[in-house]
Protein backbone atom coordinates (compact mmCIF):
# COMPACT_ATOMS: atom_id res chain seq x y z
CA MET A 1 154.80 85.72 117.43
CA ILE A 2 152.80 83.64 120.00
CA VAL A 3 153.32 83.52 123.82
CA LEU A 4 151.58 80.98 125.80
CA ARG A 5 150.02 81.29 129.38
CA LYS A 6 149.34 77.61 130.34
CA ALA A 7 146.43 76.82 132.69
CA ASP A 8 148.58 75.27 135.42
CA SER A 9 150.77 78.41 135.66
CA ARG A 10 147.97 80.67 136.68
CA GLY A 11 147.44 81.95 140.22
CA ARG A 12 144.96 79.82 142.03
CA PHE A 13 143.06 80.34 145.40
CA ASP A 14 140.52 77.97 146.86
CA PHE A 15 138.30 79.61 149.48
CA GLY A 16 135.95 76.76 149.99
CA TRP A 17 133.02 78.60 148.55
CA LEU A 18 135.09 79.95 145.66
CA ASP A 19 137.74 78.22 143.47
CA THR A 20 139.35 80.87 141.39
CA ARG A 21 142.22 80.97 138.82
CA HIS A 22 143.92 84.09 137.67
CA THR A 23 145.51 84.49 134.28
CA PHE A 24 146.88 87.88 135.29
CA SER A 25 147.80 89.43 138.51
CA PHE A 26 144.71 90.06 140.68
CA GLY A 27 144.14 90.80 144.38
CA GLU A 28 146.61 88.78 146.41
CA TYR A 29 148.18 87.25 143.43
CA VAL A 30 150.88 89.44 141.99
CA ASP A 31 153.12 88.28 139.16
CA PRO A 32 155.00 91.13 137.59
CA ALA A 33 155.44 89.15 134.31
CA HIS A 34 151.63 88.88 134.05
CA MET A 35 150.01 92.26 134.70
CA GLY A 36 147.76 92.02 131.66
CA PHE A 37 147.98 92.14 127.99
CA ARG A 38 147.55 95.55 126.31
CA THR A 39 144.20 96.74 127.54
CA LEU A 40 143.15 93.26 128.82
CA ARG A 41 143.69 93.44 132.57
CA VAL A 42 141.96 90.45 134.09
CA ILE A 43 140.70 86.94 133.18
CA ASN A 44 139.57 85.07 136.17
CA GLU A 45 138.08 81.64 135.96
CA ASP A 46 135.67 81.40 138.89
CA ARG A 47 133.66 78.43 140.31
CA VAL A 48 131.21 79.36 143.05
CA LYS A 49 129.53 76.84 145.13
CA ALA A 50 125.69 76.50 145.42
CA GLY A 51 124.08 79.36 147.44
CA GLN A 52 127.35 81.33 147.63
CA GLY A 53 128.77 84.46 145.91
CA PHE A 54 130.50 87.78 146.00
CA GLY A 55 128.87 90.15 148.48
CA THR A 56 128.29 93.83 147.72
CA HIS A 57 131.67 95.42 146.68
CA GLY A 58 132.62 98.43 144.52
CA HIS A 59 134.62 99.10 141.35
CA ARG A 60 135.72 102.26 139.45
CA ASP A 61 136.88 102.98 135.96
CA MET A 62 136.88 99.44 134.48
CA GLU A 63 135.05 97.60 131.75
CA ILE A 64 133.92 94.28 133.31
CA LEU A 65 132.45 91.33 131.38
CA SER A 66 131.02 88.14 132.94
CA TYR A 67 130.76 85.08 130.51
CA VAL A 68 128.86 82.16 132.01
CA LEU A 69 129.88 78.76 131.17
CA GLU A 70 127.75 76.58 133.55
CA GLY A 71 125.07 77.28 136.13
CA GLU A 72 123.32 80.57 136.89
CA LEU A 73 124.90 83.87 137.92
CA ARG A 74 122.69 86.51 139.60
CA HIS A 75 123.53 90.20 139.62
CA LYS A 76 122.40 93.08 141.58
CA ASP A 77 123.84 96.61 141.74
CA ASN A 78 123.01 100.14 143.26
CA GLN A 79 122.08 101.45 139.85
CA GLY A 80 118.83 99.25 139.99
CA HIS A 81 120.01 96.54 137.63
CA ILE A 82 119.12 92.94 138.41
CA GLY A 83 120.05 90.07 136.25
CA SER A 84 120.07 86.23 135.97
CA LEU A 85 122.63 84.76 133.67
CA LYS A 86 122.86 81.29 132.21
CA PRO A 87 125.27 79.80 129.61
CA GLY A 88 125.32 81.86 126.54
CA TRP A 89 124.57 85.09 128.43
CA VAL A 90 127.28 87.81 128.73
CA GLN A 91 127.20 90.70 131.16
CA ARG A 92 128.97 94.06 130.78
CA MET A 93 129.45 96.77 133.40
CA SER A 94 131.20 99.96 132.79
CA ALA A 95 132.09 100.82 136.43
CA GLY A 96 132.93 104.46 135.63
CA THR A 97 132.70 106.89 138.53
CA GLY A 98 131.68 103.94 140.68
CA ILE A 99 129.37 101.11 140.98
CA MET A 100 128.41 98.83 143.89
CA HIS A 101 127.29 95.30 142.98
CA SER A 102 126.96 91.68 143.99
CA GLU A 103 127.22 88.48 142.10
CA PHE A 104 125.82 85.23 143.43
CA ASN A 105 125.20 81.61 142.37
CA GLY A 106 121.58 81.44 141.49
CA SER A 107 121.24 77.85 142.52
CA GLU A 108 121.04 76.21 145.77
CA LYS A 109 122.27 72.90 144.58
CA ASP A 110 124.52 73.47 141.61
CA PRO A 111 127.77 75.41 141.19
CA VAL A 112 128.19 78.29 138.79
CA HIS A 113 131.26 78.45 136.54
CA PHE A 114 132.09 81.72 134.72
CA LEU A 115 134.75 83.94 133.44
CA GLN A 116 135.32 87.42 134.79
CA ILE A 117 137.09 89.75 132.43
CA TRP A 118 138.44 93.23 133.08
CA ILE A 119 139.29 95.72 130.17
CA VAL A 120 140.88 99.07 130.91
CA PRO A 121 138.59 101.85 129.52
CA ALA A 122 139.69 104.45 127.11
CA LYS A 123 138.14 107.13 129.42
CA ARG A 124 137.95 107.54 133.19
CA GLY A 125 135.08 109.08 135.08
CA ILE A 126 132.21 108.10 132.76
CA ALA A 127 128.77 107.39 134.11
CA PRO A 128 128.26 103.70 135.11
CA ARG A 129 126.50 101.61 132.58
CA TYR A 130 125.10 97.97 132.59
CA GLU A 131 123.83 95.63 129.93
CA ASP A 132 123.40 91.89 129.46
CA ARG A 133 122.54 89.76 126.42
CA ASP A 134 122.08 86.27 125.36
CA PHE A 135 124.19 84.89 122.56
CA PRO A 136 122.59 81.51 121.79
CA ARG A 137 124.93 78.57 120.88
CA ALA A 138 123.55 78.68 117.34
CA GLU A 139 125.06 82.04 116.91
CA ARG A 140 128.50 80.94 118.16
CA VAL A 141 128.81 77.41 116.81
CA ASN A 142 131.71 77.17 114.26
CA ARG A 143 132.14 80.86 113.81
CA LEU A 144 133.49 83.73 115.80
CA ARG A 145 130.48 85.68 117.09
CA LEU A 146 131.21 89.28 118.07
CA ILE A 147 129.92 89.73 121.71
CA ALA A 148 131.50 93.05 122.69
CA SER A 149 132.77 96.11 120.66
CA PRO A 150 133.34 99.89 120.93
CA THR A 151 130.18 100.50 118.76
CA GLY A 152 127.86 97.68 119.76
CA GLU A 153 127.79 96.55 116.19
CA GLU A 154 126.14 93.22 115.15
CA GLY A 155 124.13 93.22 118.29
CA SER A 156 127.23 93.06 120.56
CA LEU A 157 127.66 94.72 124.00
CA THR A 158 129.25 98.07 123.97
CA LEU A 159 132.85 98.67 125.47
CA GLU A 160 134.37 102.00 126.29
CA GLN A 161 137.67 100.77 124.66
CA ASP A 162 139.03 99.93 121.26
CA ALA A 163 138.63 96.13 121.91
CA ARG A 164 136.52 93.56 120.19
CA VAL A 165 135.59 90.24 122.02
CA TYR A 166 134.49 87.22 120.07
CA ALA A 167 133.12 83.85 121.34
CA THR A 168 132.85 80.51 119.53
CA VAL A 169 131.91 76.91 120.15
CA LEU A 170 133.96 74.95 117.67
CA GLU A 171 132.86 71.39 117.01
CA ALA A 172 135.62 68.70 116.77
CA GLY A 173 137.73 69.25 113.47
CA LYS A 174 136.18 72.65 112.75
CA GLU A 175 138.03 75.82 112.08
CA ALA A 176 137.43 79.58 112.38
CA GLU A 177 139.54 82.57 111.44
CA LEU A 178 139.96 86.07 112.34
CA PRO A 179 141.80 88.70 110.24
CA LEU A 180 144.03 91.10 112.32
CA ALA A 181 144.67 94.71 111.25
CA PRO A 182 148.32 95.95 111.28
CA GLY A 183 149.36 97.07 114.86
CA ARG A 184 146.68 94.99 116.68
CA ALA A 185 147.15 92.01 118.86
CA SER A 186 144.99 89.13 120.06
CA TRP A 187 144.57 87.11 123.12
CA VAL A 188 143.02 83.56 122.94
CA GLN A 189 141.44 82.14 126.05
CA VAL A 190 140.12 78.55 126.01
CA ALA A 191 137.11 78.01 128.28
CA ARG A 192 136.75 74.26 127.58
CA GLY A 193 137.88 71.50 125.07
CA ASP A 194 141.05 71.36 123.05
CA VAL A 195 141.93 73.68 120.21
CA ALA A 196 144.99 74.53 118.16
CA VAL A 197 145.96 78.14 117.40
CA GLY A 198 147.30 78.74 113.94
CA TYR A 199 149.62 81.73 113.36
CA GLY A 200 152.49 82.89 111.02
CA PHE A 201 150.32 82.46 107.71
CA GLY A 202 150.81 84.50 104.79
CA LYS A 203 153.75 86.29 103.21
CA GLY A 204 156.74 87.43 105.28
CA LYS A 205 158.71 90.49 104.69
CA ASP A 206 160.82 88.69 102.15
CA GLY A 207 157.66 88.01 100.08
CA ILE A 208 157.71 84.22 100.79
CA GLU A 209 154.44 82.58 101.44
CA ARG A 210 154.54 80.62 104.67
CA ALA A 211 152.33 77.68 105.69
CA GLY A 212 152.17 78.79 109.31
CA GLU A 213 152.31 76.93 112.49
CA TRP A 214 149.80 75.33 114.89
CA THR A 215 150.08 75.40 118.84
CA PRO A 216 147.74 73.10 120.76
CA LEU A 217 145.89 74.55 123.82
CA ARG A 218 143.71 73.10 126.31
CA ALA A 219 141.05 74.33 128.71
CA GLY A 220 142.39 77.15 130.86
CA ASP A 221 145.25 77.89 128.57
CA GLY A 222 145.65 81.39 127.07
CA ALA A 223 147.85 82.83 124.30
CA ALA A 224 148.95 86.32 123.10
CA LEU A 225 149.61 86.89 119.48
CA GLU A 226 151.32 89.96 118.07
CA GLY A 227 152.53 90.90 114.59
CA GLU A 228 150.12 88.49 112.82
CA ALA A 229 147.85 89.22 109.92
CA ARG A 230 145.31 86.68 110.98
CA LEU A 231 144.46 84.21 113.66
CA SER A 232 143.08 80.70 113.04
CA LEU A 233 141.53 78.12 115.42
CA ARG A 234 141.08 74.42 114.89
CA ALA A 235 139.26 72.31 117.48
CA GLY A 236 140.45 68.87 118.50
CA THR A 237 137.55 68.01 120.81
CA GLU A 238 134.56 70.44 120.84
CA ALA A 239 135.96 73.68 122.32
CA GLU A 240 134.62 76.97 123.68
CA VAL A 241 136.96 79.89 123.13
CA LEU A 242 137.08 83.67 123.65
CA VAL A 243 139.23 85.74 121.24
CA PHE A 244 140.21 89.44 122.06
CA ASP A 245 141.12 91.68 119.23
CA LEU A 246 143.15 94.52 120.94
CA ALA A 247 144.53 97.92 119.91
């Protein structure tokens, strides 16, 4: 089963310095039908103008990922961490008992474009943690590269939740596939380009092999899949996609 969340149906606010789109309810945008998906709570697509940013503010008990698409994002927090993230870099914060931080556009002339992602942690009240890492294009092209997981396997960032996050850059016409264990679900978020999501492959309960179906998605679109044995992606144009494997 697939449920679509089209880009133009998201919440949107333009504050001048910030143009933001909310896949799920966030801040002043409240949509009871879109409060998150399983432990995935927030996907915000943010564009911040040159020299602007989010001033110091706090979070608690949330796993926060920042995935940079264009420009440079600078981070500073009260735990002493300072980072500068460019495309391919991913940042993870476990807010835990509380963390104060700021995120700013690192350029005085170019905008920064990134995805802010929140995942509900399995435990509350843990010590705050921070890490960032570069996942070069070569590691993501035409394959699903694991970028966050509960164990930090394959050089991924560590999450305090049974969730795995994959990133891929698919060249036009290329495909990638992710097996899904029974009881798990997936969320697909298209960051740029056009991609088709394949589902319904394999044998049904009646034992009949099915060819499956393909649903087209464009930049900003999201899709939830449940009850599937595997997820397939096929790029129309070059596409950058995040895939969440969720308990």
